[in-house]
Amino acid sequence: MKHSGEYTKMKYNEWLSSLFGACLIAFALGVWLNSIFDKFVWLILFIGLLLHSWGMYKTYQRNR
């Protein structure tokens, strides 16, 4: 059985394409659902920033 750390390694271009793909999906969903969620934009943005910050912090702690 392979070492579990090998599953977490990504090449930069794989990570970058995944990131851009996720961004495009999020943008498309935002455009599509604009009229439904327009009253919650700031709340959704705040929660997204909190989640992203926490995830990046944990990634930084793990990689240190």
PDB file of N, CA and C in Angstrom:
ATOM      1  N   MET A   1       0.836  -1.179   0.000  1.00  0.00           N
ATOM      2  CA  MET A   1       0.000   0.000   0.000  1.00  0.00           C
ATOM      3  C   MET A   1       0.879   1.240   0.000  1.00  0.00           C
ATOM      4  N   LYS A   2       0.501   2.236  -0.789  1.00  0.00           N
ATOM      5  CA  LYS A   2       1.296   3.445  -0.888  1.00  0.00           C
ATOM      6  C   LYS A   2       1.136   4.299   0.364  1.00  0.00           C
ATOM      7  N   HIS A   3       2.148   5.109   0.582  1.00  0.00           N
ATOM      8  CA  HIS A   3       2.104   6.041   1.701  1.00  0.00           C
ATOM      9  C   HIS A   3       0.965   7.036   1.476  1.00  0.00           C
ATOM     10  N   SER A   4       0.196   7.343   2.505  1.00  0.00           N
ATOM     11  CA  SER A   4      -0.982   8.194   2.344  1.00  0.00           C
ATOM     12  C   SER A   4      -0.611   9.611   1.921  1.00  0.00           C
ATOM     13  N   GLY A   5       0.606  10.070   2.207  1.00  0.00           N
ATOM     14  CA  GLY A   5       1.030  11.403   1.808  1.00  0.00           C
ATOM     15  C   GLY A   5       1.139  11.568   0.313  1.00  0.00           C
ATOM     16  N   GLU A   6       1.311  10.484  -0.411  1.00  0.00           N
ATOM     17  CA  GLU A   6       1.433  10.556  -1.862  1.00  0.00           C
ATOM     18  C   GLU A   6       0.121  10.974  -2.519  1.00  0.00           C
ATOM     19  N   TYR A   7      -0.982  10.733  -1.859  1.00  0.00           N
ATOM     20  CA  TYR A   7      -2.274  11.093  -2.423  1.00  0.00           C
ATOM     21  C   TYR A   7      -2.544  12.591  -2.313  1.00  0.00           C
ATOM     22  N   THR A   8      -1.844  13.287  -1.441  1.00  0.00           N
ATOM     23  CA  THR A   8      -2.084  14.713  -1.254  1.00  0.00           C
ATOM     24  C   THR A   8      -1.186  15.575  -2.122  1.00  0.00           C
ATOM     25  N   LYS A   9      -0.229  14.994  -2.821  1.00  0.00           N
ATOM     26  CA  LYS A   9       0.678  15.768  -3.657  1.00  0.00           C
ATOM     27  C   LYS A   9       0.027  16.044  -5.012  1.00  0.00           C
ATOM     28  N   MET A  10       0.107  17.289  -5.419  1.00  0.00           N
ATOM     29  CA  MET A  10      -0.413  17.684  -6.722  1.00  0.00           C
ATOM     30  C   MET A  10       0.659  18.470  -7.453  1.00  0.00           C
ATOM     31  N   LYS A  11       0.674  18.350  -8.754  1.00  0.00           N
ATOM     32  CA  LYS A  11       1.533  19.205  -9.547  1.00  0.00           C
ATOM     33  C   LYS A  11       0.884  20.579  -9.640  1.00  0.00           C
ATOM     34  N   TYR A  12       1.716  21.588  -9.837  1.00  0.00           N
ATOM     35  CA  TYR A  12       1.202  22.959  -9.850  1.00  0.00           C
ATOM     36  C   TYR A  12       0.159  23.158 -10.933  1.00  0.00           C
ATOM     37  N   ASN A  13       0.378  22.617 -12.128  1.00  0.00           N
ATOM     38  CA  ASN A  13      -0.593  22.821 -13.210  1.00  0.00           C
ATOM     39  C   ASN A  13      -1.914  22.099 -12.921  1.00  0.00           C
ATOM     40  N   GLU A  14      -1.864  20.971 -12.222  1.00  0.00           N
ATOM     41  CA  GLU A  14      -3.094  20.283 -11.822  1.00  0.00           C
ATOM     42  C   GLU A  14      -3.870  21.131 -10.815  1.00  0.00           C
ATOM     43  N   TRP A  15      -3.147  21.688  -9.841  1.00  0.00           N
ATOM     44  CA  TRP A  15      -3.775  22.527  -8.831  1.00  0.00           C
ATOM     45  C   TRP A  15      -4.364  23.777  -9.469  1.00  0.00           C
ATOM     46  N   LEU A  16      -3.615  24.389 -10.390  1.00  0.00           N
ATOM     47  CA  LEU A  16      -4.059  25.606 -11.035  1.00  0.00           C
ATOM     48  C   LEU A  16      -5.297  25.368 -11.896  1.00  0.00           C
ATOM     49  N   SER A  17      -5.313  24.280 -12.647  1.00  0.00           N
ATOM     50  CA  SER A  17      -6.486  23.993 -13.475  1.00  0.00           C
ATOM     51  C   SER A  17      -7.701  23.683 -12.604  1.00  0.00           C
ATOM     52  N   SER A  18      -7.488  22.997 -11.484  1.00  0.00           N
ATOM     53  CA  SER A  18      -8.585  22.729 -10.560  1.00  0.00           C
ATOM     54  C   SER A  18      -9.119  24.023  -9.964  1.00  0.00           C
ATOM     55  N   LEU A  19      -8.222  24.919  -9.593  1.00  0.00           N
ATOM     56  CA  LEU A  19      -8.618  26.208  -9.022  1.00  0.00           C
ATOM     57  C   LEU A  19      -9.422  27.034 -10.024  1.00  0.00           C
ATOM     58  N   PHE A  20      -8.929  27.157 -11.253  1.00  0.00           N
ATOM     59  CA  PHE A  20      -9.640  27.929 -12.263  1.00  0.00           C
ATOM     60  C   PHE A  20     -10.989  27.289 -12.605  1.00  0.00           C
ATOM     61  N   GLY A  21     -11.028  25.980 -12.632  1.00  0.00           N
ATOM     62  CA  GLY A  21     -12.296  25.290 -12.885  1.00  0.00           C
ATOM     63  C   GLY A  21     -13.309  25.583 -11.796  1.00  0.00           C
ATOM     64  N   ALA A  22     -12.881  25.517 -10.544  1.00  0.00           N
ATOM     65  CA  ALA A  22     -13.778  25.821  -9.433  1.00  0.00           C
ATOM     66  C   ALA A  22     -14.242  27.275  -9.481  1.00  0.00           C
ATOM     67  N   CYS A  23     -13.341  28.183  -9.846  1.00  0.00           N
ATOM     68  CA  CYS A  23     -13.704  29.599  -9.957  1.00  0.00           C
ATOM     69  C   CYS A  23     -14.734  29.818 -11.054  1.00  0.00           C
ATOM     70  N   LEU A  24     -14.555  29.164 -12.183  1.00  0.00           N
ATOM     71  CA  LEU A  24     -15.514  29.316 -13.282  1.00  0.00           C
ATOM     72  C   LEU A  24     -16.878  28.732 -12.922  1.00  0.00           C
ATOM     73  N   ILE A  25     -16.871  27.607 -12.223  1.00  0.00           N
ATOM     74  CA  ILE A  25     -18.139  27.015 -11.772  1.00  0.00           C
ATOM     75  C   ILE A  25     -18.839  27.964 -10.806  1.00  0.00           C
ATOM     76  N   ALA A  26     -18.087  28.510  -9.856  1.00  0.00           N
ATOM     77  CA  ALA A  26     -18.668  29.445  -8.889  1.00  0.00           C
ATOM     78  C   ALA A  26     -19.203  30.695  -9.586  1.00  0.00           C
ATOM     79  N   PHE A  27     -18.466  31.211 -10.552  1.00  0.00           N
ATOM     80  CA  PHE A  27     -18.919  32.391 -11.291  1.00  0.00           C
ATOM     81  C   PHE A  27     -20.203  32.084 -12.058  1.00  0.00           C
ATOM     82  N   ALA A  28     -20.238  30.946 -12.735  1.00  0.00           N
ATOM     83  CA  ALA A  28     -21.426  30.574 -13.502  1.00  0.00           C
ATOM     84  C   ALA A  28     -22.639  30.406 -12.587  1.00  0.00           C
ATOM     85  N   LEU A  29     -22.445  29.777 -11.435  1.00  0.00           N
ATOM     86  CA  LEU A  29     -23.548  29.625 -10.488  1.00  0.00           C
ATOM     87  C   LEU A  29     -23.998  30.983  -9.949  1.00  0.00           C
ATOM     88  N   GLY A  30     -23.044  31.871  -9.723  1.00  0.00           N
ATOM     89  CA  GLY A  30     -23.389  33.204  -9.249  1.00  0.00           C
ATOM     90  C   GLY A  30     -24.216  33.975 -10.254  1.00  0.00           C
ATOM     91  N   VAL A  31     -23.841  33.884 -11.511  1.00  0.00           N
ATOM     92  CA  VAL A  31     -24.608  34.570 -12.559  1.00  0.00           C
ATOM     93  C   VAL A  31     -25.996  33.953 -12.682  1.00  0.00           C
ATOM     94  N   TRP A  32     -26.049  32.639 -12.632  1.00  0.00           N
ATOM     95  CA  TRP A  32     -27.318  31.927 -12.807  1.00  0.00           C
ATOM     96  C   TRP A  32     -28.276  32.195 -11.644  1.00  0.00           C
ATOM     97  N   LEU A  33     -27.757  32.229 -10.419  1.00  0.00           N
ATOM     98  CA  LEU A  33     -28.602  32.363  -9.232  1.00  0.00           C
ATOM     99  C   LEU A  33     -28.637  33.786  -8.680  1.00  0.00           C
ATOM    100  N   ASN A  34     -28.242  34.758  -9.476  1.00  0.00           N
ATOM    101  CA  ASN A  34     -28.157  36.145  -9.019  1.00  0.00           C
ATOM    102  C   ASN A  34     -29.469  36.665  -8.444  1.00  0.00           C
ATOM    103  N   SER A  35     -30.541  36.457  -9.144  1.00  0.00           N
ATOM    104  CA  SER A  35     -31.812  37.023  -8.694  1.00  0.00           C
ATOM    105  C   SER A  35     -32.342  36.349  -7.425  1.00  0.00           C
ATOM    106  N   ILE A  36     -31.944  35.129  -7.190  1.00  0.00           N
ATOM    107  CA  ILE A  36     -32.429  34.411  -6.009  1.00  0.00           C
ATOM    108  C   ILE A  36     -31.668  34.833  -4.748  1.00  0.00           C
ATOM    109  N   PHE A  37     -30.340  34.991  -4.856  1.00  0.00           N
ATOM    110  CA  PHE A  37     -29.504  35.224  -3.690  1.00  0.00           C
ATOM    111  C   PHE A  37     -28.991  36.657  -3.561  1.00  0.00           C
ATOM    112  N   ASP A  38     -29.576  37.599  -4.293  1.00  0.00           N
ATOM    113  CA  ASP A  38     -29.032  38.958  -4.267  1.00  0.00           C
ATOM    114  C   ASP A  38     -29.117  39.620  -2.896  1.00  0.00           C
ATOM    115  N   LYS A  39     -30.020  39.197  -2.037  1.00  0.00           N
ATOM    116  CA  LYS A  39     -30.133  39.767  -0.689  1.00  0.00           C
ATOM    117  C   LYS A  39     -29.116  39.183   0.281  1.00  0.00           C
ATOM    118  N   PHE A  40     -28.464  38.092  -0.094  1.00  0.00           N
ATOM    119  CA  PHE A  40     -27.539  37.401   0.805  1.00  0.00           C
ATOM    120  C   PHE A  40     -26.090  37.479   0.342  1.00  0.00           C
ATOM    121  N   VAL A  41     -25.785  38.364  -0.601  1.00  0.00           N
ATOM    122  CA  VAL A  41     -24.446  38.415  -1.187  1.00  0.00           C
ATOM    123  C   VAL A  41     -23.380  38.639  -0.125  1.00  0.00           C
ATOM    124  N   TRP A  42     -23.570  39.624   0.745  1.00  0.00           N
ATOM    125  CA  TRP A  42     -22.549  39.945   1.742  1.00  0.00           C
ATOM    126  C   TRP A  42     -22.372  38.825   2.754  1.00  0.00           C
ATOM    127  N   LEU A  43     -23.452  38.158   3.140  1.00  0.00           N
ATOM    128  CA  LEU A  43     -23.358  37.035   4.070  1.00  0.00           C
ATOM    129  C   LEU A  43     -22.609  35.862   3.431  1.00  0.00           C
ATOM    130  N   ILE A  44     -22.941  35.559   2.190  1.00  0.00           N
ATOM    131  CA  ILE A  44     -22.274  34.468   1.474  1.00  0.00           C
ATOM    132  C   ILE A  44     -20.795  34.783   1.283  1.00  0.00           C
ATOM    133  N   LEU A  45     -20.495  36.032   0.928  1.00  0.00           N
ATOM    134  CA  LEU A  45     -19.102  36.434   0.763  1.00  0.00           C
ATOM    135  C   LEU A  45     -18.330  36.320   2.073  1.00  0.00           C
ATOM    136  N   PHE A  46     -18.925  36.763   3.171  1.00  0.00           N
ATOM    137  CA  PHE A  46     -18.283  36.684   4.480  1.00  0.00           C
ATOM    138  C   PHE A  46     -18.020  35.240   4.886  1.00  0.00           C
ATOM    139  N   ILE A  47     -18.992  34.380   4.716  1.00  0.00           N
ATOM    140  CA  ILE A  47     -18.814  32.959   5.055  1.00  0.00           C
ATOM    141  C   ILE A  47     -17.747  32.329   4.165  1.00  0.00           C
ATOM    142  N   GLY A  48     -17.759  32.679   2.877  1.00  0.00           N
ATOM    143  CA  GLY A  48     -16.735  32.168   1.959  1.00  0.00           C
ATOM    144  C   GLY A  48     -15.338  32.603   2.365  1.00  0.00           C
ATOM    145  N   LEU A  49     -15.205  33.870   2.749  1.00  0.00           N
ATOM    146  CA  LEU A  49     -13.899  34.360   3.199  1.00  0.00           C
ATOM    147  C   LEU A  49     -13.441  33.654   4.474  1.00  0.00           C
ATOM    148  N   LEU A  50     -14.353  33.440   5.400  1.00  0.00           N
ATOM    149  CA  LEU A  50     -13.993  32.722   6.628  1.00  0.00           C
ATOM    150  C   LEU A  50     -13.542  31.292   6.331  1.00  0.00           C
ATOM    151  N   LEU A  51     -14.304  30.599   5.500  1.00  0.00           N
ATOM    152  CA  LEU A  51     -13.954  29.214   5.167  1.00  0.00           C
ATOM    153  C   LEU A  51     -12.630  29.137   4.416  1.00  0.00           C
ATOM    154  N   HIS A  52     -12.424  30.029   3.469  1.00  0.00           N
ATOM    155  CA  HIS A  52     -11.185  30.030   2.707  1.00  0.00           C
ATOM    156  C   HIS A  52      -9.991  30.347   3.616  1.00  0.00           C
ATOM    157  N   SER A  53     -10.152  31.324   4.479  1.00  0.00           N
ATOM    158  CA  SER A  53      -9.069  31.686   5.402  1.00  0.00           C
ATOM    159  C   SER A  53      -8.717  30.529   6.322  1.00  0.00           C
ATOM    160  N   TRP A  54      -9.735  29.868   6.849  1.00  0.00           N
ATOM    161  CA  TRP A  54      -9.486  28.723   7.738  1.00  0.00           C
ATOM    162  C   TRP A  54      -8.766  27.604   6.989  1.00  0.00           C
ATOM    163  N   GLY A  55      -9.223  27.307   5.785  1.00  0.00           N
ATOM    164  CA  GLY A  55      -8.594  26.247   4.997  1.00  0.00           C
ATOM    165  C   GLY A  55      -7.150  26.566   4.641  1.00  0.00           C
ATOM    166  N   MET A  56      -6.876  27.806   4.270  1.00  0.00           N
ATOM    167  CA  MET A  56      -5.509  28.195   3.936  1.00  0.00           C
ATOM    168  C   MET A  56      -4.620  28.173   5.187  1.00  0.00           C
ATOM    169  N   TYR A  57      -5.156  28.582   6.315  1.00  0.00           N
ATOM    170  CA  TYR A  57      -4.402  28.542   7.572  1.00  0.00           C
ATOM    171  C   TYR A  57      -4.033  27.104   7.922  1.00  0.00           C
ATOM    172  N   LYS A  58      -4.998  26.198   7.830  1.00  0.00           N
ATOM    173  CA  LYS A  58      -4.731  24.788   8.147  1.00  0.00           C
ATOM    174  C   LYS A  58      -3.726  24.192   7.169  1.00  0.00           C
ATOM    175  N   THR A  59      -3.812  24.567   5.888  1.00  0.00           N
ATOM    176  CA  THR A  59      -2.846  24.088   4.895  1.00  0.00           C
ATOM    177  C   THR A  59      -1.448  24.603   5.229  1.00  0.00           C
ATOM    178  N   TYR A  60      -1.354  25.874   5.610  1.00  0.00           N
ATOM    179  CA  TYR A  60      -0.070  26.452   5.988  1.00  0.00           C
ATOM    180  C   TYR A  60       0.497  25.745   7.219  1.00  0.00           C
ATOM    181  N   GLN A  61      -0.334  25.480   8.202  1.00  0.00           N
ATOM    182  CA  GLN A  61       0.121  24.788   9.408  1.00  0.00           C
ATOM    183  C   GLN A  61       0.615  23.381   9.084  1.00  0.00           C
ATOM    184  N   ARG A  62      -0.090  22.681   8.209  1.00  0.00           N
ATOM    185  CA  ARG A  62       0.296  21.324   7.842  1.00  0.00           C
ATOM    186  C   ARG A  62       1.622  21.296   7.085  1.00  0.00           C
ATOM    187  N   ASN A  63       1.820  22.278   6.211  1.00  0.00           N
ATOM    188  CA  ASN A  63       3.002  22.293   5.353  1.00  0.00           C
ATOM    189  C   ASN A  63       4.223  22.914   6.005  1.00  0.00           C
ATOM    190  N   ARG A  64       4.077  23.452   7.175  1.00  0.00           N
ATOM    191  CA  ARG A  64       5.188  24.099   7.849  1.00  0.00           C
ATOM    192  C   ARG A  64       6.187  23.138   8.360  1.00  0.00           C
TER     193      ARG A  64
END
